[in-house]
Protein backbone atom coordinates (compact mmCIF):
# COMPACT_ATOMS: atom_id res chain seq x y z
CA UNK A 1 -0.08 -0.08 0.05
CA UNK A 2 2.87 2.59 0.48
CA UNK A 3 5.78 3.14 2.44
CA UNK A 4 6.13 0.69 5.32
CA UNK A 5 7.47 3.38 7.44
CA UNK A 6 3.78 5.06 7.15
CA UNK A 7 2.41 1.92 8.68
CA UNK A 8 1.24 1.93 12.32
CA UNK A 9 2.99 -0.42 14.45
CA UNK A 10 0.34 -2.86 16.04
CA UNK A 11 0.90 -3.51 19.73
CA UNK A 12 -1.21 -6.38 21.07
CA UNK A 13 -3.92 -4.88 23.30
CA UNK A 14 -3.08 -1.21 22.27
CA UNK A 15 -6.10 -0.98 20.25
CA UNK A 16 -8.43 -1.51 23.00
CA UNK A 17 -10.37 1.04 24.77
CA UNK A 18 -12.32 0.69 28.22
CA UNK A 19 -15.02 3.11 28.93
CA UNK A 20 -17.58 3.33 31.61
CA UNK A 21 -21.14 4.50 30.35
CA UNK A 22 -24.43 4.84 32.40
CA UNK A 23 -26.61 2.05 32.99
CA UNK A 24 -28.89 3.66 30.65
CA UNK A 25 -26.71 4.00 27.57
CA UNK A 26 -25.64 0.63 28.08
CA UNK A 27 -29.03 -0.52 27.95
CA UNK A 28 -29.83 1.57 24.76
CA UNK A 29 -26.57 -0.19 23.22
CA UNK A 30 -27.66 -3.67 24.02
CA UNK A 31 -31.18 -2.95 22.90
CA UNK A 32 -29.70 -2.05 19.50
CA UNK A 33 -27.47 -5.01 19.28
CA UNK A 34 -30.45 -7.13 19.89
CA UNK A 35 -32.83 -5.36 17.31
CA UNK A 36 -29.97 -5.75 14.52
CA UNK A 37 -28.87 -9.08 15.77
CA UNK A 38 -25.12 -7.69 16.28
CA UNK A 39 -23.10 -7.60 19.51
CA UNK A 40 -22.93 -4.84 21.44
CA UNK A 41 -19.39 -4.36 20.55
CA UNK A 42 -20.46 -3.93 16.87
CA UNK A 43 -22.77 -1.63 17.70
CA UNK A 44 -20.42 0.60 19.83
CA UNK A 45 -17.86 0.50 17.01
CA UNK A 46 -20.34 1.46 14.47
CA UNK A 47 -21.54 4.39 16.83
CA UNK A 48 -18.13 5.71 17.16
CA UNK A 49 -17.53 5.26 13.41
CA UNK A 50 -20.44 7.31 12.58
CA UNK A 51 -20.04 9.69 15.63
CA UNK A 52 -16.43 10.85 14.95
CA UNK A 53 -17.28 12.63 11.67
CA UNK A 54 -20.43 14.21 12.81
CA UNK A 55 -18.24 15.71 16.07
CA UNK A 56 -15.56 16.86 13.63
CA UNK A 57 -18.25 18.53 11.50
CA UNK A 58 -19.90 19.98 14.54
CA UNK A 59 -16.55 21.32 15.63
CA UNK A 60 -15.91 22.91 12.54
CA UNK A 61 -19.39 24.60 12.36
CA UNK A 62 -18.60 25.81 15.71
CA UNK A 63 -15.42 27.40 14.91
CA UNK A 64 -17.00 29.03 11.82
CA UNK A 65 -19.93 30.23 13.81
CA UNK A 66 -17.66 31.95 16.49
CA UNK A 67 -15.44 33.73 13.73
CA UNK A 68 -18.53 35.13 12.08
CA UNK A 69 -20.04 36.07 15.36
CA UNK A 70 -16.90 37.88 16.37
CA UNK A 71 -16.78 39.83 12.82
CA UNK A 72 -20.54 40.63 13.20
CA UNK A 73 -19.70 41.96 16.68
CA UNK A 74 -16.47 44.11 15.05
CA UNK A 75 -19.07 45.50 12.55
CA UNK A 76 -21.75 46.24 14.65
CA UNK A 77 -19.20 48.33 17.10
CA UNK A 78 -17.57 50.09 13.86
CA UNK A 79 -21.42 51.23 12.77
CA UNK A 80 -22.16 52.40 16.42
CA UNK A 81 -19.06 54.49 16.74
CA UNK A 82 -19.62 56.06 13.27
CA UNK A 83 -23.15 56.88 14.50
CA UNK A 84 -21.64 58.48 17.52
CA UNK A 85 -19.27 61.08 15.26
C-alpha cells in the first residue's frame, strides 16, 4: 500500500479502549444490538465510526460560527462608533 514506514505499529492490546457509560446508555446499546442481531461491541464500533465525523463537523461548524459572530460584533461596533461621530 505505500511506504512501510507510514504503517502503524500494532501492539497487542494497544487497540483496546475501556470506557464507563451510564446504565441507561448501556441498555440502549444492548437493545440496538439485539434489534439488529449484532454484538454490543459491533454497535459501539458503528456508533463511534458514525459519531466521529459528526463531531468533527460540529466542531468545524462551531469554529465558523464563532468566527462569524466575532466579525459581526466588530462590524456592529464600527457602525455604532460611526453613528456617535
